[in-house]
N, C-alpha and C. Protein backbone atom coordinates (compact mmCIF):
# COMPACT_ATOMS: atom_id res chain seq x y z
N MET A 1 0.81 -1.19 0.00
CA MET A 1 0.00 0.00 0.00
C MET A 1 0.86 1.25 0.00
N THR A 2 1.95 1.22 0.75
CA THR A 2 2.83 2.39 0.79
C THR A 2 3.54 2.59 -0.54
N ASP A 3 3.82 1.51 -1.27
CA ASP A 3 4.43 1.65 -2.58
C ASP A 3 3.51 2.38 -3.55
N GLN A 4 2.24 2.09 -3.46
CA GLN A 4 1.27 2.73 -4.33
C GLN A 4 1.15 4.22 -4.00
N ILE A 5 1.17 4.59 -2.76
CA ILE A 5 1.09 5.99 -2.36
C ILE A 5 2.34 6.74 -2.83
N GLU A 6 3.51 6.12 -2.68
CA GLU A 6 4.74 6.75 -3.14
C GLU A 6 4.75 6.92 -4.66
N ALA A 7 4.23 5.94 -5.39
CA ALA A 7 4.18 6.03 -6.86
C ALA A 7 3.25 7.17 -7.28
N ASN A 8 2.14 7.31 -6.59
CA ASN A 8 1.20 8.39 -6.92
C ASN A 8 1.80 9.76 -6.60
N GLU A 9 2.58 9.86 -5.55
CA GLU A 9 3.19 11.14 -5.20
C GLU A 9 4.26 11.51 -6.20
N ASN A 10 4.96 10.52 -6.76
CA ASN A 10 6.02 10.80 -7.73
C ASN A 10 5.46 11.21 -9.09
N GLU A 11 4.28 10.74 -9.42
CA GLU A 11 3.68 11.11 -10.70
C GLU A 11 3.11 12.53 -10.61
N LYS A 12 3.33 13.28 -11.67
CA LYS A 12 2.78 14.63 -11.72
C LYS A 12 1.34 14.55 -12.20
N SER A 13 0.54 15.47 -11.74
CA SER A 13 -0.82 15.53 -12.25
C SER A 13 -0.79 16.13 -13.65
N LEU A 14 -1.88 16.02 -14.35
CA LEU A 14 -1.96 16.51 -15.72
C LEU A 14 -1.74 18.02 -15.77
N LEU A 15 -2.35 18.75 -14.86
CA LEU A 15 -2.20 20.20 -14.84
C LEU A 15 -0.77 20.62 -14.51
N GLN A 16 -0.09 19.86 -13.68
CA GLN A 16 1.28 20.21 -13.33
C GLN A 16 2.26 19.89 -14.46
N SER A 17 1.91 18.95 -15.32
CA SER A 17 2.83 18.55 -16.38
C SER A 17 2.67 19.39 -17.65
N LEU A 18 1.69 20.27 -17.70
CA LEU A 18 1.50 21.11 -18.89
C LEU A 18 2.63 22.14 -19.00
N THR A 19 3.15 22.25 -20.18
CA THR A 19 4.18 23.27 -20.43
C THR A 19 3.52 24.52 -20.99
N ARG A 20 4.30 25.56 -21.13
CA ARG A 20 3.80 26.82 -21.67
C ARG A 20 3.31 26.62 -23.12
N GLU A 21 4.02 25.79 -23.88
CA GLU A 21 3.63 25.52 -25.26
C GLU A 21 2.32 24.76 -25.33
N ASP A 22 2.08 23.85 -24.38
CA ASP A 22 0.83 23.10 -24.35
C ASP A 22 -0.35 24.04 -24.09
N VAL A 23 -0.18 24.96 -23.17
CA VAL A 23 -1.24 25.91 -22.86
C VAL A 23 -1.50 26.82 -24.06
N LYS A 24 -0.43 27.25 -24.71
CA LYS A 24 -0.58 28.10 -25.90
C LYS A 24 -1.33 27.36 -27.00
N LEU A 25 -0.99 26.10 -27.23
CA LEU A 25 -1.67 25.28 -28.23
C LEU A 25 -3.14 25.09 -27.88
N PHE A 26 -3.43 24.89 -26.63
CA PHE A 26 -4.81 24.72 -26.18
C PHE A 26 -5.63 25.99 -26.43
N ILE A 27 -5.07 27.14 -26.11
CA ILE A 27 -5.77 28.41 -26.32
C ILE A 27 -5.97 28.68 -27.81
N ILE A 28 -4.95 28.41 -28.62
CA ILE A 28 -5.07 28.62 -30.06
C ILE A 28 -6.15 27.70 -30.64
N THR A 29 -6.22 26.47 -30.17
CA THR A 29 -7.23 25.53 -30.64
C THR A 29 -8.63 26.02 -30.32
N ILE A 30 -8.83 26.49 -29.12
CA ILE A 30 -10.15 26.99 -28.72
C ILE A 30 -10.52 28.23 -29.53
N LEU A 31 -9.59 29.17 -29.69
CA LEU A 31 -9.88 30.38 -30.46
C LEU A 31 -10.15 30.06 -31.93
N ALA A 32 -9.40 29.15 -32.52
CA ALA A 32 -9.62 28.78 -33.91
C ALA A 32 -10.99 28.12 -34.09
N THR A 33 -11.40 27.32 -33.14
CA THR A 33 -12.71 26.69 -33.22
C THR A 33 -13.83 27.72 -33.14
N VAL A 34 -13.69 28.67 -32.24
CA VAL A 34 -14.70 29.73 -32.11
C VAL A 34 -14.76 30.57 -33.39
N ILE A 35 -13.61 30.93 -33.93
CA ILE A 35 -13.58 31.74 -35.15
C ILE A 35 -14.17 30.96 -36.32
N ALA A 36 -13.88 29.67 -36.43
CA ALA A 36 -14.44 28.85 -37.51
C ALA A 36 -15.96 28.77 -37.40
N ASN A 37 -16.47 28.67 -36.20
CA ASN A 37 -17.93 28.64 -36.01
C ASN A 37 -18.56 29.97 -36.38
N ILE A 38 -17.92 31.06 -36.03
CA ILE A 38 -18.45 32.38 -36.38
C ILE A 38 -18.46 32.57 -37.89
N VAL A 39 -17.38 32.17 -38.55
CA VAL A 39 -17.32 32.30 -40.01
C VAL A 39 -18.40 31.44 -40.67
N THR A 40 -18.63 30.24 -40.15
CA THR A 40 -19.67 29.38 -40.69
C THR A 40 -21.04 30.02 -40.56
N VAL A 41 -21.33 30.60 -39.42
CA VAL A 41 -22.62 31.25 -39.22
C VAL A 41 -22.78 32.44 -40.17
N VAL A 42 -21.71 33.21 -40.35
CA VAL A 42 -21.78 34.37 -41.24
C VAL A 42 -22.01 33.93 -42.68
N VAL A 43 -21.30 32.90 -43.13
CA VAL A 43 -21.45 32.42 -44.51
C VAL A 43 -22.87 31.91 -44.75
N VAL A 44 -23.40 31.13 -43.84
CA VAL A 44 -24.76 30.62 -44.01
C VAL A 44 -25.77 31.75 -43.95
N ALA A 45 -25.57 32.72 -43.07
CA ALA A 45 -26.49 33.85 -42.98
C ALA A 45 -26.49 34.66 -44.27
N VAL A 46 -25.31 34.91 -44.84
CA VAL A 46 -25.24 35.64 -46.10
C VAL A 46 -25.93 34.85 -47.21
N ALA A 47 -25.74 33.54 -47.24
CA ALA A 47 -26.40 32.72 -48.26
C ALA A 47 -27.92 32.76 -48.12
N VAL A 48 -28.41 32.71 -46.89
CA VAL A 48 -29.86 32.78 -46.68
C VAL A 48 -30.39 34.15 -47.10
N ILE A 49 -29.69 35.21 -46.75
CA ILE A 49 -30.11 36.55 -47.15
C ILE A 49 -30.13 36.68 -48.67
N LEU A 50 -29.10 36.17 -49.34
CA LEU A 50 -29.07 36.21 -50.80
C LEU A 50 -30.17 35.37 -51.42
N ALA A 51 -30.45 34.22 -50.81
CA ALA A 51 -31.52 33.37 -51.34
C ALA A 51 -32.87 34.04 -51.19
N ARG A 52 -33.08 34.73 -50.08
CA ARG A 52 -34.36 35.42 -49.89
C ARG A 52 -34.49 36.62 -50.81
N SER A 53 -33.42 37.39 -50.96
CA SER A 53 -33.53 38.60 -51.77
C SER A 53 -33.38 38.31 -53.26
N GLY A 54 -32.74 37.21 -53.62
CA GLY A 54 -32.49 36.91 -55.02
C GLY A 54 -33.54 36.03 -55.67
N ARG A 55 -34.55 35.66 -54.92
CA ARG A 55 -35.60 34.80 -55.49
C ARG A 55 -36.35 35.57 -56.56
N PRO A 56 -36.43 35.00 -57.77
CA PRO A 56 -37.12 35.71 -58.85
C PRO A 56 -38.63 35.75 -58.62
N HIS A 57 -39.21 36.83 -59.07
CA HIS A 57 -40.67 36.99 -58.96
C HIS A 57 -41.23 37.23 -60.33
N PRO A 58 -42.09 36.49 -60.86
CA PRO A 58 -42.64 35.24 -60.32
C PRO A 58 -41.63 34.11 -60.40
N ALA A 59 -41.79 33.14 -59.53
CA ALA A 59 -40.83 32.04 -59.42
C ALA A 59 -41.14 30.97 -60.46
N THR A 60 -40.77 31.25 -61.70
CA THR A 60 -40.96 30.30 -62.79
C THR A 60 -39.61 29.67 -63.13
N PRO A 61 -39.62 28.50 -63.74
CA PRO A 61 -38.35 27.88 -64.13
C PRO A 61 -37.52 28.77 -65.06
N GLY A 62 -38.17 29.48 -65.95
CA GLY A 62 -37.45 30.37 -66.85
C GLY A 62 -36.72 31.48 -66.11
N ASN A 63 -37.39 32.06 -65.12
CA ASN A 63 -36.74 33.10 -64.32
C ASN A 63 -35.57 32.55 -63.52
N TYR A 64 -35.71 31.32 -63.01
CA TYR A 64 -34.58 30.70 -62.30
C TYR A 64 -33.42 30.43 -63.25
N ALA A 65 -33.71 30.03 -64.49
CA ALA A 65 -32.65 29.76 -65.46
C ALA A 65 -31.89 31.04 -65.79
N ILE A 66 -32.61 32.14 -65.96
CA ILE A 66 -31.95 33.43 -66.23
C ILE A 66 -31.13 33.85 -65.02
N ASN A 67 -31.69 33.71 -63.84
CA ASN A 67 -30.98 34.07 -62.61
C ASN A 67 -29.72 33.23 -62.46
N PHE A 68 -29.82 31.93 -62.76
CA PHE A 68 -28.67 31.04 -62.65
C PHE A 68 -27.58 31.42 -63.65
N SER A 69 -27.97 31.67 -64.89
CA SER A 69 -26.96 31.99 -65.90
C SER A 69 -26.30 33.34 -65.63
N LEU A 70 -27.07 34.31 -65.13
CA LEU A 70 -26.49 35.61 -64.82
C LEU A 70 -25.57 35.56 -63.60
N SER A 71 -25.78 34.60 -62.72
CA SER A 71 -24.93 34.52 -61.53
C SER A 71 -23.74 33.59 -61.71
N ILE A 72 -23.84 32.61 -62.62
CA ILE A 72 -22.73 31.67 -62.79
C ILE A 72 -21.62 32.27 -63.64
N VAL A 73 -21.95 33.17 -64.55
CA VAL A 73 -20.93 33.75 -65.44
C VAL A 73 -19.85 34.50 -64.66
N PRO A 74 -20.19 35.38 -63.71
CA PRO A 74 -19.12 36.03 -62.94
C PRO A 74 -18.26 35.04 -62.14
N MET A 75 -18.89 33.97 -61.65
CA MET A 75 -18.14 32.97 -60.90
C MET A 75 -17.12 32.28 -61.80
N ILE A 76 -17.53 31.91 -63.00
CA ILE A 76 -16.62 31.27 -63.94
C ILE A 76 -15.50 32.22 -64.33
N LEU A 77 -15.82 33.49 -64.54
CA LEU A 77 -14.79 34.47 -64.90
C LEU A 77 -13.79 34.67 -63.77
N LEU A 78 -14.26 34.66 -62.53
CA LEU A 78 -13.34 34.79 -61.39
C LEU A 78 -12.38 33.60 -61.34
N TRP A 79 -12.90 32.39 -61.47
CA TRP A 79 -12.04 31.21 -61.43
C TRP A 79 -11.10 31.19 -62.63
N ALA A 80 -11.59 31.61 -63.79
CA ALA A 80 -10.72 31.63 -64.98
C ALA A 80 -9.62 32.68 -64.84
N GLY A 81 -9.89 33.75 -64.10
CA GLY A 81 -8.86 34.76 -63.89
C GLY A 81 -7.79 34.34 -62.91
N VAL A 82 -8.14 33.52 -61.95
CA VAL A 82 -7.17 33.09 -60.94
C VAL A 82 -6.33 31.91 -61.44
N SER A 83 -6.89 31.08 -62.31
CA SER A 83 -6.18 29.87 -62.77
C SER A 83 -4.84 30.17 -63.44
N PRO A 84 -4.72 31.14 -64.36
CA PRO A 84 -3.39 31.41 -64.94
C PRO A 84 -2.39 31.89 -63.90
N LEU A 85 -2.85 32.62 -62.91
CA LEU A 85 -1.94 33.06 -61.85
C LEU A 85 -1.39 31.86 -61.08
N LEU A 86 -2.23 30.88 -60.84
CA LEU A 86 -1.76 29.68 -60.14
C LEU A 86 -0.74 28.92 -60.97
N ARG A 87 -0.98 28.82 -62.27
CA ARG A 87 -0.04 28.13 -63.14
C ARG A 87 1.30 28.86 -63.17
N THR A 88 1.26 30.19 -63.27
CA THR A 88 2.49 30.98 -63.28
C THR A 88 3.25 30.81 -61.98
N LEU A 89 2.53 30.83 -60.89
CA LEU A 89 3.17 30.68 -59.59
C LEU A 89 3.79 29.30 -59.41
N ALA A 90 3.12 28.27 -59.91
CA ALA A 90 3.63 26.91 -59.77
C ALA A 90 4.90 26.71 -60.60
N LYS A 91 5.02 27.40 -61.74
CA LYS A 91 6.18 27.24 -62.60
C LYS A 91 7.40 28.04 -62.13
N SER A 92 7.17 29.07 -61.33
CA SER A 92 8.29 29.93 -60.93
C SER A 92 9.16 29.21 -59.90
N LYS A 93 10.45 29.22 -60.15
CA LYS A 93 11.41 28.57 -59.26
C LYS A 93 12.06 29.56 -58.29
N THR A 94 12.13 30.83 -58.67
CA THR A 94 12.77 31.83 -57.82
C THR A 94 11.78 32.33 -56.77
N LEU A 95 12.32 32.73 -55.65
CA LEU A 95 11.49 33.24 -54.58
C LEU A 95 11.91 34.67 -54.22
N ASP A 96 11.83 35.56 -55.19
CA ASP A 96 12.13 36.95 -54.90
C ASP A 96 10.92 37.61 -54.24
N LEU A 97 11.03 38.87 -53.92
CA LEU A 97 9.98 39.57 -53.19
C LEU A 97 8.68 39.62 -53.97
N SER A 98 8.76 39.86 -55.27
CA SER A 98 7.53 39.94 -56.06
C SER A 98 6.81 38.60 -56.12
N THR A 99 7.56 37.52 -56.16
CA THR A 99 6.93 36.19 -56.18
C THR A 99 6.26 35.90 -54.85
N LYS A 100 6.90 36.30 -53.76
CA LYS A 100 6.29 36.09 -52.44
C LYS A 100 5.02 36.91 -52.28
N VAL A 101 5.05 38.16 -52.75
CA VAL A 101 3.86 39.00 -52.67
C VAL A 101 2.76 38.42 -53.54
N LEU A 102 3.11 37.98 -54.76
CA LEU A 102 2.13 37.38 -55.66
C LEU A 102 1.54 36.11 -55.04
N ARG A 103 2.36 35.33 -54.38
CA ARG A 103 1.87 34.11 -53.73
C ARG A 103 0.83 34.44 -52.66
N TRP A 104 1.08 35.45 -51.84
CA TRP A 104 0.11 35.82 -50.81
C TRP A 104 -1.14 36.44 -51.40
N VAL A 105 -1.00 37.19 -52.47
CA VAL A 105 -2.18 37.75 -53.14
C VAL A 105 -3.04 36.62 -53.69
N ILE A 106 -2.41 35.62 -54.29
CA ILE A 106 -3.16 34.49 -54.82
C ILE A 106 -3.83 33.70 -53.70
N ILE A 107 -3.15 33.51 -52.59
CA ILE A 107 -3.74 32.79 -51.46
C ILE A 107 -4.97 33.54 -50.93
N ILE A 108 -4.87 34.85 -50.81
CA ILE A 108 -6.01 35.65 -50.34
C ILE A 108 -7.14 35.60 -51.36
N LEU A 109 -6.81 35.71 -52.66
CA LEU A 109 -7.84 35.62 -53.70
C LEU A 109 -8.53 34.26 -53.69
N LEU A 110 -7.76 33.20 -53.51
CA LEU A 110 -8.36 31.87 -53.46
C LEU A 110 -9.28 31.71 -52.25
N ALA A 111 -8.87 32.25 -51.12
CA ALA A 111 -9.72 32.17 -49.93
C ALA A 111 -11.02 32.93 -50.15
N LEU A 112 -10.92 34.13 -50.70
CA LEU A 112 -12.13 34.91 -50.98
C LEU A 112 -13.00 34.24 -52.03
N LEU A 113 -12.38 33.72 -53.06
CA LEU A 113 -13.12 33.05 -54.12
C LEU A 113 -13.78 31.77 -53.60
N GLY A 114 -13.12 31.08 -52.72
CA GLY A 114 -13.74 29.91 -52.10
C GLY A 114 -14.95 30.28 -51.26
N MET A 115 -14.85 31.37 -50.52
CA MET A 115 -15.99 31.83 -49.72
C MET A 115 -17.14 32.25 -50.62
N ILE A 116 -16.83 32.98 -51.70
CA ILE A 116 -17.87 33.42 -52.62
C ILE A 116 -18.54 32.22 -53.28
N THR A 117 -17.75 31.23 -53.67
CA THR A 117 -18.31 30.03 -54.28
C THR A 117 -19.19 29.27 -53.30
N LEU A 118 -18.75 29.18 -52.05
CA LEU A 118 -19.54 28.52 -51.03
C LEU A 118 -20.87 29.24 -50.81
N ILE A 119 -20.82 30.56 -50.74
CA ILE A 119 -22.05 31.33 -50.58
C ILE A 119 -22.96 31.12 -51.79
N TYR A 120 -22.37 31.09 -52.98
CA TYR A 120 -23.14 30.87 -54.21
C TYR A 120 -23.86 29.52 -54.16
N VAL A 121 -23.13 28.47 -53.81
CA VAL A 121 -23.72 27.13 -53.75
C VAL A 121 -24.80 27.06 -52.68
N LEU A 122 -24.54 27.64 -51.52
CA LEU A 122 -25.54 27.63 -50.46
C LEU A 122 -26.77 28.44 -50.84
N THR A 123 -26.58 29.51 -51.59
CA THR A 123 -27.73 30.29 -52.05
C THR A 123 -28.61 29.45 -52.97
N TRP A 124 -28.01 28.71 -53.88
CA TRP A 124 -28.81 27.88 -54.77
C TRP A 124 -29.42 26.69 -54.04
N ILE A 125 -28.78 26.21 -53.00
CA ILE A 125 -29.40 25.18 -52.16
C ILE A 125 -30.61 25.78 -51.45
N GLY A 126 -30.47 27.04 -51.02
CA GLY A 126 -31.63 27.72 -50.41
C GLY A 126 -32.77 27.87 -51.39
N PHE A 127 -32.46 28.21 -52.65
CA PHE A 127 -33.51 28.28 -53.67
C PHE A 127 -34.20 26.92 -53.82
N ALA A 128 -33.40 25.88 -53.87
CA ALA A 128 -33.95 24.54 -54.08
C ALA A 128 -34.78 24.07 -52.90
N SER A 129 -34.38 24.48 -51.69
CA SER A 129 -35.14 24.05 -50.52
C SER A 129 -36.35 24.92 -50.24
N GLY A 130 -36.48 26.01 -50.98
CA GLY A 130 -37.69 26.82 -50.87
C GLY A 130 -37.66 27.87 -49.80
N ILE A 131 -36.51 28.51 -49.56
CA ILE A 131 -36.44 29.58 -48.57
C ILE A 131 -37.28 30.74 -49.09
N HIS A 132 -38.17 31.23 -48.26
CA HIS A 132 -39.05 32.34 -48.66
C HIS A 132 -38.64 33.60 -47.98
């Protein structure tokens, strides 16, 4: 029995064994989760607002087809504009300042374009599900 008590005293508790890096990682994980949830709510809210305001009146299949074609063309043009930049960036071997700046601009454009595409898809899902 005394051996077991001594073994327990020698072992550190979980809270005592945490390092500064562990605490930092834990806080970053919690903050990233909260931010991801907030972004998700904002994206879905924007999609619902767009679905409500973008619903054609009267709601005929022809009006939906026109609405779809008018909204898909800018999306295709955005993706077509970013694609050559990605190809150019992938082929470049040098990492000078302009290439680094271009890389970050492309990353930001891709993130924004991904959000816009997600909102677009969610808006059309809202149309299909009948959001009024």
